[in-house]
N, C-alpha and C. Protein backbone atom coordinates (compact mmCIF):
# COMPACT_ATOMS: atom_id res chain seq x y z
N MET A 1 -27.86 -11.23 17.27
CA MET A 1 -27.52 -10.07 16.48
C MET A 1 -26.03 -9.75 16.59
N LEU A 2 -25.49 -9.74 17.80
CA LEU A 2 -24.08 -9.44 18.01
C LEU A 2 -23.20 -10.48 17.32
N LEU A 3 -23.55 -11.75 17.42
CA LEU A 3 -22.78 -12.80 16.76
C LEU A 3 -22.76 -12.60 15.25
N SER A 4 -23.88 -12.23 14.66
CA SER A 4 -23.92 -12.02 13.20
C SER A 4 -23.07 -10.82 12.81
N GLN A 5 -23.02 -9.78 13.65
CA GLN A 5 -22.17 -8.63 13.35
C GLN A 5 -20.70 -9.02 13.43
N ILE A 6 -20.32 -9.81 14.42
CA ILE A 6 -18.93 -10.26 14.55
C ILE A 6 -18.54 -11.11 13.36
N LEU A 7 -19.41 -12.04 12.98
CA LEU A 7 -19.12 -12.90 11.83
C LEU A 7 -19.04 -12.08 10.55
N SER A 8 -19.93 -11.11 10.38
CA SER A 8 -19.92 -10.25 9.20
C SER A 8 -18.62 -9.47 9.13
N SER A 9 -18.17 -8.94 10.26
CA SER A 9 -16.91 -8.20 10.31
C SER A 9 -15.73 -9.10 9.97
N ALA A 10 -15.72 -10.33 10.49
CA ALA A 10 -14.63 -11.27 10.21
C ALA A 10 -14.60 -11.64 8.73
N VAL A 11 -15.77 -11.82 8.14
CA VAL A 11 -15.83 -12.16 6.71
C VAL A 11 -15.32 -10.99 5.88
N ARG A 12 -15.73 -9.75 6.23
CA ARG A 12 -15.25 -8.57 5.49
C ARG A 12 -13.73 -8.47 5.58
N LYS A 13 -13.16 -8.70 6.75
CA LYS A 13 -11.71 -8.60 6.90
C LYS A 13 -11.00 -9.69 6.12
N ALA A 14 -11.54 -10.89 6.10
CA ALA A 14 -10.94 -11.97 5.32
C ALA A 14 -11.00 -11.66 3.83
N LEU A 15 -12.13 -11.11 3.37
CA LEU A 15 -12.24 -10.74 1.96
C LEU A 15 -11.27 -9.63 1.62
N SER A 16 -11.11 -8.65 2.51
CA SER A 16 -10.16 -7.56 2.28
C SER A 16 -8.74 -8.08 2.18
N ALA A 17 -8.37 -9.01 3.06
CA ALA A 17 -7.03 -9.60 3.00
C ALA A 17 -6.83 -10.33 1.67
N GLY A 18 -7.86 -11.03 1.23
CA GLY A 18 -7.79 -11.72 -0.06
C GLY A 18 -7.65 -10.75 -1.21
N MET A 19 -8.34 -9.59 -1.11
CA MET A 19 -8.23 -8.57 -2.16
C MET A 19 -6.80 -8.02 -2.22
N ILE A 20 -6.17 -7.81 -1.07
CA ILE A 20 -4.80 -7.30 -1.06
C ILE A 20 -3.86 -8.30 -1.72
N ALA A 21 -3.96 -9.55 -1.35
CA ALA A 21 -3.10 -10.58 -1.94
C ALA A 21 -3.35 -10.72 -3.43
N ALA A 22 -4.60 -10.71 -3.83
CA ALA A 22 -4.93 -10.84 -5.25
C ALA A 22 -4.43 -9.63 -6.04
N SER A 23 -4.52 -8.44 -5.46
CA SER A 23 -4.06 -7.25 -6.18
C SER A 23 -2.55 -7.29 -6.39
N ALA A 24 -1.80 -7.77 -5.39
CA ALA A 24 -0.35 -7.90 -5.56
C ALA A 24 -0.03 -8.87 -6.68
N LEU A 25 -0.75 -9.98 -6.73
CA LEU A 25 -0.52 -10.95 -7.80
C LEU A 25 -0.95 -10.42 -9.15
N ALA A 26 -1.99 -9.60 -9.18
CA ALA A 26 -2.45 -9.03 -10.44
C ALA A 26 -1.51 -7.94 -10.95
N ILE A 27 -0.93 -7.18 -10.03
CA ILE A 27 -0.04 -6.08 -10.40
C ILE A 27 1.32 -6.61 -10.86
N ALA A 28 1.80 -7.68 -10.29
CA ALA A 28 3.14 -8.19 -10.57
C ALA A 28 3.42 -8.41 -12.05
N PRO A 29 2.56 -9.11 -12.82
CA PRO A 29 2.88 -9.33 -14.23
C PRO A 29 3.00 -8.03 -15.03
N VAL A 30 2.21 -7.02 -14.68
CA VAL A 30 2.29 -5.74 -15.38
C VAL A 30 3.63 -5.08 -15.10
N LEU A 31 4.04 -5.11 -13.84
CA LEU A 31 5.29 -4.47 -13.47
C LEU A 31 6.50 -5.17 -14.08
N PHE A 32 6.42 -6.48 -14.25
CA PHE A 32 7.59 -7.23 -14.66
C PHE A 32 7.60 -7.55 -16.15
N ALA A 33 6.64 -7.04 -16.91
CA ALA A 33 6.56 -7.35 -18.33
C ALA A 33 7.84 -6.96 -19.06
N GLY A 34 8.40 -5.80 -18.77
CA GLY A 34 9.62 -5.37 -19.44
C GLY A 34 10.88 -5.71 -18.66
N ALA A 35 10.73 -6.25 -17.48
CA ALA A 35 11.90 -6.50 -16.62
C ALA A 35 12.81 -7.58 -17.19
N ALA A 36 12.26 -8.57 -17.88
CA ALA A 36 13.09 -9.66 -18.39
C ALA A 36 14.07 -9.18 -19.44
N SER A 37 13.69 -8.14 -20.22
CA SER A 37 14.58 -7.67 -21.26
C SER A 37 15.56 -6.62 -20.74
N ALA A 38 15.32 -6.07 -19.55
CA ALA A 38 16.21 -5.07 -18.98
C ALA A 38 17.50 -5.75 -18.50
N GLN A 39 18.56 -4.95 -18.42
CA GLN A 39 19.81 -5.52 -17.93
C GLN A 39 19.63 -6.00 -16.50
N PRO A 40 20.18 -7.16 -16.13
CA PRO A 40 20.00 -7.65 -14.77
C PRO A 40 20.70 -6.73 -13.76
N ILE A 41 19.94 -6.22 -12.84
CA ILE A 41 20.45 -5.36 -11.78
C ILE A 41 19.87 -5.89 -10.48
N THR A 42 20.70 -6.09 -9.49
CA THR A 42 20.19 -6.58 -8.21
C THR A 42 19.30 -5.52 -7.60
N PHE A 43 18.10 -5.92 -7.17
CA PHE A 43 17.17 -4.96 -6.59
C PHE A 43 17.23 -5.03 -5.08
N ASN A 44 18.19 -4.34 -4.54
CA ASN A 44 18.29 -4.17 -3.10
C ASN A 44 18.62 -2.71 -2.82
N ASP A 45 17.97 -1.84 -3.60
CA ASP A 45 18.24 -0.41 -3.51
C ASP A 45 17.10 0.31 -2.80
N SER A 46 17.41 1.50 -2.36
CA SER A 46 16.41 2.38 -1.78
C SER A 46 15.85 3.25 -2.89
N TYR A 47 14.65 3.78 -2.68
CA TYR A 47 14.07 4.68 -3.68
C TYR A 47 13.03 5.58 -3.05
N VAL A 48 12.67 6.63 -3.78
CA VAL A 48 11.55 7.49 -3.43
C VAL A 48 10.77 7.73 -4.72
N GLY A 49 9.43 7.67 -4.62
CA GLY A 49 8.62 7.81 -5.81
C GLY A 49 7.29 8.47 -5.53
N ALA A 50 6.54 8.69 -6.61
CA ALA A 50 5.23 9.32 -6.50
C ALA A 50 4.30 8.71 -7.54
N GLY A 51 3.01 8.78 -7.26
CA GLY A 51 2.03 8.24 -8.19
C GLY A 51 0.61 8.51 -7.74
N VAL A 52 -0.29 7.62 -8.16
CA VAL A 52 -1.71 7.77 -7.86
C VAL A 52 -2.12 6.82 -6.74
N SER A 53 -3.20 7.19 -6.06
CA SER A 53 -3.74 6.38 -4.98
C SER A 53 -5.25 6.41 -5.09
N ALA A 54 -5.88 5.25 -4.95
CA ALA A 54 -7.34 5.18 -5.03
C ALA A 54 -7.90 4.42 -3.84
N GLY A 55 -8.62 5.13 -2.99
CA GLY A 55 -9.36 4.50 -1.90
C GLY A 55 -10.63 3.89 -2.49
N VAL A 56 -10.92 2.64 -2.16
CA VAL A 56 -12.05 1.95 -2.79
C VAL A 56 -13.13 1.56 -1.78
N THR A 57 -13.04 2.07 -0.57
CA THR A 57 -14.02 1.72 0.46
C THR A 57 -14.68 2.98 1.00
N ASN A 58 -15.79 2.77 1.72
CA ASN A 58 -16.55 3.86 2.31
C ASN A 58 -16.92 3.43 3.73
N GLY A 59 -16.71 4.31 4.70
CA GLY A 59 -16.99 3.98 6.08
C GLY A 59 -18.45 4.03 6.47
N GLY A 60 -19.32 4.50 5.59
CA GLY A 60 -20.74 4.50 5.88
C GLY A 60 -21.25 5.75 6.58
N GLN A 61 -20.40 6.69 6.89
CA GLN A 61 -20.80 7.93 7.56
C GLN A 61 -20.54 9.10 6.61
N SER A 62 -21.08 10.25 6.95
CA SER A 62 -20.80 11.46 6.19
C SER A 62 -19.31 11.76 6.28
N GLY A 63 -18.67 12.05 5.16
CA GLY A 63 -17.23 12.33 5.14
C GLY A 63 -16.37 11.09 4.98
N ASP A 64 -16.98 9.94 4.71
CA ASP A 64 -16.23 8.69 4.58
C ASP A 64 -16.09 8.20 3.14
N ALA A 65 -16.43 9.00 2.18
CA ALA A 65 -16.47 8.54 0.79
C ALA A 65 -15.11 8.05 0.31
N ALA A 66 -15.13 7.08 -0.61
CA ALA A 66 -13.91 6.61 -1.27
C ALA A 66 -13.26 7.81 -1.96
N THR A 67 -11.94 7.89 -1.91
CA THR A 67 -11.22 9.06 -2.38
C THR A 67 -10.09 8.69 -3.32
N ILE A 68 -9.94 9.46 -4.37
CA ILE A 68 -8.80 9.31 -5.28
C ILE A 68 -7.84 10.45 -5.01
N GLY A 69 -6.55 10.14 -5.00
CA GLY A 69 -5.55 11.17 -4.73
C GLY A 69 -4.20 10.73 -5.25
N GLY A 70 -3.19 11.06 -4.50
CA GLY A 70 -1.83 10.72 -4.89
C GLY A 70 -1.08 10.03 -3.77
N ASN A 71 0.14 9.61 -4.09
CA ASN A 71 0.98 8.99 -3.08
C ASN A 71 2.42 9.40 -3.28
N ILE A 72 3.13 9.45 -2.18
CA ILE A 72 4.59 9.56 -2.17
C ILE A 72 5.05 8.40 -1.32
N GLN A 73 5.90 7.56 -1.89
CA GLN A 73 6.35 6.38 -1.16
C GLN A 73 7.86 6.25 -1.28
N GLY A 74 8.44 5.64 -0.27
CA GLY A 74 9.88 5.41 -0.28
C GLY A 74 10.23 4.10 0.37
N ARG A 75 11.39 3.59 -0.01
CA ARG A 75 11.91 2.34 0.56
C ARG A 75 13.35 2.56 0.96
N PHE A 76 13.67 2.15 2.18
CA PHE A 76 15.06 2.11 2.63
C PHE A 76 15.42 0.65 2.80
N ALA A 77 16.26 0.15 1.90
CA ALA A 77 16.66 -1.26 1.94
C ALA A 77 17.69 -1.46 3.05
N ILE A 78 17.49 -2.50 3.84
CA ILE A 78 18.44 -2.84 4.88
C ILE A 78 19.43 -3.84 4.28
N PRO A 79 20.72 -3.49 4.21
CA PRO A 79 21.70 -4.37 3.56
C PRO A 79 21.73 -5.77 4.17
N ASN A 80 21.83 -6.77 3.31
CA ASN A 80 21.96 -8.18 3.70
C ASN A 80 20.80 -8.69 4.56
N ALA A 81 19.63 -8.10 4.40
CA ALA A 81 18.44 -8.54 5.15
C ALA A 81 17.24 -8.54 4.21
N PRO A 82 16.31 -9.45 4.39
CA PRO A 82 15.13 -9.49 3.52
C PRO A 82 14.02 -8.54 3.96
N VAL A 83 14.34 -7.54 4.74
CA VAL A 83 13.33 -6.59 5.21
C VAL A 83 13.70 -5.18 4.76
N SER A 84 12.69 -4.33 4.69
CA SER A 84 12.88 -2.93 4.34
C SER A 84 12.05 -2.06 5.27
N VAL A 85 12.50 -0.84 5.44
CA VAL A 85 11.73 0.17 6.15
C VAL A 85 11.16 1.07 5.07
N ARG A 86 9.86 1.29 5.13
CA ARG A 86 9.19 2.08 4.10
C ARG A 86 8.40 3.21 4.74
N GLY A 87 8.12 4.19 3.92
CA GLY A 87 7.25 5.29 4.32
C GLY A 87 6.31 5.58 3.17
N ALA A 88 5.08 5.96 3.51
CA ALA A 88 4.11 6.31 2.49
C ALA A 88 3.24 7.45 2.99
N VAL A 89 2.89 8.33 2.07
CA VAL A 89 1.92 9.37 2.32
C VAL A 89 0.86 9.25 1.23
N LEU A 90 -0.37 8.95 1.63
CA LEU A 90 -1.50 8.89 0.70
C LEU A 90 -2.33 10.14 0.94
N PHE A 91 -2.54 10.94 -0.09
CA PHE A 91 -3.20 12.22 0.13
C PHE A 91 -4.35 12.44 -0.84
N SER A 92 -5.31 13.23 -0.36
CA SER A 92 -6.44 13.68 -1.18
C SER A 92 -6.49 15.20 -1.06
N GLY A 93 -7.53 15.80 -1.57
CA GLY A 93 -7.66 17.24 -1.45
C GLY A 93 -7.96 17.71 -0.04
N GLU A 94 -8.38 16.79 0.84
CA GLU A 94 -8.77 17.18 2.19
C GLU A 94 -7.86 16.70 3.30
N SER A 95 -7.16 15.57 3.09
CA SER A 95 -6.41 14.97 4.18
C SER A 95 -5.32 14.06 3.64
N ALA A 96 -4.48 13.62 4.54
CA ALA A 96 -3.41 12.67 4.18
C ALA A 96 -3.27 11.61 5.26
N ALA A 97 -2.85 10.43 4.83
CA ALA A 97 -2.52 9.34 5.75
C ALA A 97 -1.01 9.13 5.64
N ILE A 98 -0.32 9.24 6.76
CA ILE A 98 1.14 9.16 6.80
C ILE A 98 1.51 7.85 7.48
N MET A 99 2.30 7.00 6.79
CA MET A 99 2.55 5.65 7.28
C MET A 99 4.02 5.25 7.33
N PRO A 100 4.53 4.90 8.50
CA PRO A 100 5.78 4.15 8.58
C PRO A 100 5.42 2.66 8.48
N LEU A 101 6.21 1.90 7.72
CA LEU A 101 5.93 0.48 7.49
C LEU A 101 7.22 -0.32 7.52
N VAL A 102 7.11 -1.58 7.90
CA VAL A 102 8.21 -2.54 7.79
C VAL A 102 7.69 -3.69 6.93
N THR A 103 8.50 -4.08 5.93
CA THR A 103 8.05 -5.14 5.03
C THR A 103 9.09 -6.25 4.91
N TYR A 104 8.58 -7.42 4.59
CA TYR A 104 9.42 -8.55 4.21
C TYR A 104 9.45 -8.56 2.69
N ASP A 105 10.65 -8.60 2.11
CA ASP A 105 10.82 -8.52 0.65
C ASP A 105 11.22 -9.87 0.10
N LEU A 106 10.51 -10.32 -0.91
CA LEU A 106 10.77 -11.60 -1.55
C LEU A 106 11.22 -11.36 -2.99
N PRO A 107 12.51 -11.55 -3.29
CA PRO A 107 12.97 -11.34 -4.66
C PRO A 107 12.36 -12.40 -5.60
N ILE A 108 11.87 -11.93 -6.76
CA ILE A 108 11.34 -12.87 -7.74
C ILE A 108 12.16 -12.87 -9.02
N THR A 109 12.95 -11.82 -9.24
CA THR A 109 13.98 -11.79 -10.29
C THR A 109 15.12 -10.97 -9.71
N SER A 110 16.17 -10.78 -10.48
CA SER A 110 17.31 -10.02 -9.98
C SER A 110 16.99 -8.54 -9.82
N ASN A 111 15.89 -8.07 -10.41
CA ASN A 111 15.55 -6.66 -10.27
C ASN A 111 14.08 -6.43 -9.90
N ALA A 112 13.47 -7.40 -9.19
CA ALA A 112 12.07 -7.24 -8.80
C ALA A 112 11.79 -7.96 -7.49
N ASN A 113 10.91 -7.37 -6.70
CA ASN A 113 10.50 -7.93 -5.41
C ASN A 113 8.99 -7.95 -5.28
N LEU A 114 8.49 -8.90 -4.54
CA LEU A 114 7.16 -8.84 -3.95
C LEU A 114 7.40 -8.48 -2.49
N TYR A 115 6.48 -7.79 -1.87
CA TYR A 115 6.66 -7.46 -0.46
C TYR A 115 5.33 -7.47 0.27
N ALA A 116 5.41 -7.72 1.57
CA ALA A 116 4.25 -7.68 2.44
C ALA A 116 4.72 -7.19 3.80
N GLY A 117 3.88 -6.42 4.47
CA GLY A 117 4.30 -5.91 5.76
C GLY A 117 3.18 -5.21 6.51
N ALA A 118 3.58 -4.50 7.55
CA ALA A 118 2.63 -3.85 8.43
C ALA A 118 3.19 -2.52 8.92
N GLY A 119 2.29 -1.69 9.39
CA GLY A 119 2.68 -0.40 9.93
C GLY A 119 1.50 0.29 10.58
N TYR A 120 1.56 1.60 10.62
CA TYR A 120 0.50 2.38 11.25
C TYR A 120 0.24 3.62 10.41
N SER A 121 -1.01 3.98 10.28
CA SER A 121 -1.42 5.15 9.50
C SER A 121 -1.83 6.27 10.45
N PHE A 122 -1.20 7.41 10.28
CA PHE A 122 -1.54 8.60 11.08
C PHE A 122 -2.32 9.55 10.18
N ALA A 123 -3.57 9.82 10.51
CA ALA A 123 -4.39 10.76 9.74
C ALA A 123 -4.00 12.17 10.16
N ASP A 124 -3.65 13.02 9.20
CA ASP A 124 -3.25 14.37 9.57
C ASP A 124 -4.45 15.22 9.98
N LYS A 125 -5.66 14.89 9.49
CA LYS A 125 -6.88 15.59 9.89
C LYS A 125 -7.96 14.55 10.12
N GLU A 126 -8.06 14.04 11.34
CA GLU A 126 -9.06 13.00 11.62
C GLU A 126 -10.45 13.50 11.28
N GLY A 127 -11.23 12.63 10.64
CA GLY A 127 -12.58 12.97 10.22
C GLY A 127 -12.67 13.43 8.78
N LYS A 128 -11.54 13.80 8.17
CA LYS A 128 -11.50 14.22 6.76
C LYS A 128 -10.99 13.04 5.93
N PRO A 129 -11.59 12.78 4.76
CA PRO A 129 -11.23 11.58 3.99
C PRO A 129 -9.85 11.65 3.33
N SER A 130 -9.14 10.55 3.42
CA SER A 130 -7.90 10.32 2.67
C SER A 130 -8.14 9.02 1.89
N PRO A 131 -7.23 8.62 1.01
CA PRO A 131 -7.42 7.35 0.32
C PRO A 131 -7.44 6.14 1.26
N LEU A 132 -6.99 6.30 2.51
CA LEU A 132 -6.99 5.18 3.46
C LEU A 132 -7.76 5.55 4.73
N GLY A 133 -9.03 5.89 4.57
CA GLY A 133 -9.87 6.17 5.71
C GLY A 133 -9.74 7.59 6.22
N ASN A 134 -10.23 7.79 7.46
CA ASN A 134 -10.19 9.15 8.01
C ASN A 134 -9.79 9.20 9.49
N LYS A 135 -9.10 8.14 9.96
CA LYS A 135 -8.56 8.19 11.33
C LYS A 135 -7.31 7.31 11.40
N ASN A 136 -6.58 7.44 12.50
CA ASN A 136 -5.39 6.63 12.72
C ASN A 136 -5.77 5.15 12.74
N ALA A 137 -4.91 4.29 12.17
CA ALA A 137 -5.26 2.87 12.09
C ALA A 137 -4.02 2.01 11.84
N HIS A 138 -4.10 0.75 12.23
CA HIS A 138 -3.08 -0.24 11.86
C HIS A 138 -3.23 -0.54 10.37
N VAL A 139 -2.11 -0.80 9.70
CA VAL A 139 -2.13 -1.00 8.24
C VAL A 139 -1.37 -2.26 7.87
N LEU A 140 -1.93 -3.03 6.94
CA LEU A 140 -1.23 -4.13 6.28
C LEU A 140 -1.03 -3.74 4.83
N THR A 141 0.08 -4.16 4.23
CA THR A 141 0.35 -3.81 2.84
C THR A 141 0.93 -5.01 2.11
N ALA A 142 0.68 -5.07 0.82
CA ALA A 142 1.28 -6.07 -0.07
C ALA A 142 1.46 -5.42 -1.42
N GLY A 143 2.58 -5.71 -2.07
CA GLY A 143 2.82 -5.08 -3.36
C GLY A 143 3.98 -5.69 -4.11
N ALA A 144 4.35 -5.00 -5.17
CA ALA A 144 5.44 -5.43 -6.04
C ALA A 144 6.20 -4.19 -6.50
N GLU A 145 7.49 -4.38 -6.77
CA GLU A 145 8.33 -3.29 -7.26
C GLU A 145 9.37 -3.88 -8.20
N ALA A 146 9.74 -3.09 -9.21
CA ALA A 146 10.72 -3.57 -10.18
C ALA A 146 11.59 -2.42 -10.64
N GLY A 147 12.88 -2.71 -10.78
CA GLY A 147 13.80 -1.73 -11.31
C GLY A 147 13.78 -1.80 -12.83
N LEU A 148 13.67 -0.66 -13.46
CA LEU A 148 13.73 -0.56 -14.91
C LEU A 148 14.92 0.32 -15.25
N GLY A 149 15.98 -0.27 -15.77
CA GLY A 149 17.18 0.50 -16.02
C GLY A 149 17.94 0.75 -14.73
N LYS A 150 18.83 1.73 -14.79
CA LYS A 150 19.72 1.97 -13.65
C LYS A 150 19.04 2.71 -12.48
N ASN A 151 18.20 3.71 -12.75
CA ASN A 151 17.68 4.55 -11.68
C ASN A 151 16.16 4.60 -11.56
N VAL A 152 15.43 3.85 -12.35
CA VAL A 152 13.97 3.95 -12.35
C VAL A 152 13.35 2.72 -11.69
N VAL A 153 12.34 2.96 -10.86
CA VAL A 153 11.59 1.90 -10.19
C VAL A 153 10.10 2.13 -10.48
N VAL A 154 9.37 1.06 -10.74
CA VAL A 154 7.92 1.13 -10.77
C VAL A 154 7.40 0.29 -9.61
N TYR A 155 6.31 0.73 -9.01
CA TYR A 155 5.76 -0.01 -7.87
C TYR A 155 4.25 0.04 -7.90
N GLY A 156 3.66 -0.93 -7.25
CA GLY A 156 2.21 -0.97 -7.07
C GLY A 156 1.91 -1.76 -5.82
N ASP A 157 0.94 -1.30 -5.05
CA ASP A 157 0.59 -2.04 -3.84
C ASP A 157 -0.83 -1.77 -3.42
N ALA A 158 -1.25 -2.53 -2.44
CA ALA A 158 -2.55 -2.35 -1.80
C ALA A 158 -2.29 -2.16 -0.31
N LYS A 159 -3.08 -1.30 0.29
CA LYS A 159 -2.98 -1.07 1.72
C LYS A 159 -4.36 -1.29 2.34
N TRP A 160 -4.36 -1.94 3.50
CA TRP A 160 -5.60 -2.25 4.22
C TRP A 160 -5.51 -1.60 5.59
N GLY A 161 -6.30 -0.57 5.80
CA GLY A 161 -6.38 0.11 7.09
C GLY A 161 -7.45 -0.56 7.94
N ILE A 162 -7.06 -1.10 9.07
CA ILE A 162 -7.99 -1.84 9.93
C ILE A 162 -8.70 -0.85 10.86
N ASP A 163 -10.04 -0.84 10.79
CA ASP A 163 -10.86 0.07 11.59
C ASP A 163 -10.40 1.52 11.34
N ALA A 164 -10.39 1.92 10.07
CA ALA A 164 -9.79 3.18 9.65
C ALA A 164 -10.77 4.33 9.46
N TYR A 165 -12.01 4.15 9.92
CA TYR A 165 -13.00 5.22 9.79
C TYR A 165 -13.52 5.65 11.15
N LYS A 166 -13.61 6.95 11.34
CA LYS A 166 -14.13 7.52 12.58
C LYS A 166 -15.63 7.21 12.70
N ASN A 167 -16.09 6.85 13.88
CA ASN A 167 -17.49 6.51 14.16
C ASN A 167 -18.00 5.34 13.33
N SER A 168 -17.10 4.44 12.97
CA SER A 168 -17.47 3.27 12.18
C SER A 168 -16.43 2.18 12.44
N SER A 169 -16.85 0.93 12.33
CA SER A 169 -15.88 -0.16 12.49
C SER A 169 -15.38 -0.65 11.12
N ALA A 170 -15.65 0.11 10.07
CA ALA A 170 -15.27 -0.30 8.71
C ALA A 170 -13.76 -0.21 8.50
N ASP A 171 -13.26 -1.09 7.65
CA ASP A 171 -11.87 -1.07 7.23
C ASP A 171 -11.75 -0.28 5.94
N ALA A 172 -10.55 0.20 5.64
CA ALA A 172 -10.30 0.95 4.41
C ALA A 172 -9.30 0.18 3.55
N VAL A 173 -9.50 0.21 2.24
CA VAL A 173 -8.57 -0.41 1.29
C VAL A 173 -8.24 0.62 0.23
N SER A 174 -6.95 0.72 -0.11
CA SER A 174 -6.53 1.60 -1.19
C SER A 174 -5.50 0.90 -2.05
N PHE A 175 -5.43 1.33 -3.30
CA PHE A 175 -4.47 0.80 -4.26
C PHE A 175 -3.60 1.94 -4.75
N GLN A 176 -2.30 1.67 -4.86
CA GLN A 176 -1.34 2.68 -5.28
C GLN A 176 -0.51 2.16 -6.45
N ALA A 177 -0.04 3.09 -7.28
CA ALA A 177 0.92 2.79 -8.34
C ALA A 177 1.76 4.03 -8.54
N GLY A 178 3.03 3.82 -8.89
CA GLY A 178 3.89 4.98 -9.08
C GLY A 178 5.22 4.63 -9.70
N VAL A 179 6.00 5.68 -9.91
CA VAL A 179 7.34 5.58 -10.47
C VAL A 179 8.29 6.28 -9.52
N GLY A 180 9.47 5.69 -9.32
CA GLY A 180 10.41 6.27 -8.38
C GLY A 180 11.82 6.38 -8.92
N TYR A 181 12.64 7.11 -8.18
CA TYR A 181 14.07 7.25 -8.45
C TYR A 181 14.81 6.42 -7.43
N ARG A 182 15.63 5.49 -7.93
CA ARG A 182 16.35 4.63 -6.99
C ARG A 182 17.78 5.07 -6.83
N PHE A 183 18.27 4.87 -5.63
CA PHE A 183 19.64 5.30 -5.28
C PHE A 183 20.29 4.29 -4.38
């Protein structure tokens, strides 16, 4: 019985990782559809933005329901390095998940990046649902971002909270999209 639970958990985590990678690949063409016609601008800028967030998992306990809410996300580009420091707040009507993240950025055009990284999610009210679970957890993220014009950025990503539900070993997955101001 224990072996089957361990294998089941490993399969769920592998599928979740695959969902994150697939979502980044699915989001990228949408984000970059207008990028080819925009003036070429090097995308190594910082930004802050806001948008929607959708938690798509359930921890199996009362108070663990999938939650739709909003997000505030930001990127601080480190000059001459392929990494960025990011922050994200995913919020619902009951709680928020606050995340510092570090990502590796892969430029795919002069004004667009794919990124992947890791961080930690701090639940502001443990036990109350946010789009990324209801307790503190390690987080993996993958996404895409593109500059549109001089000051506008669009972004989309997926976040995977590992063991992100209280009284459950379930993982949490959320998808975000938004528009930001770049500086």
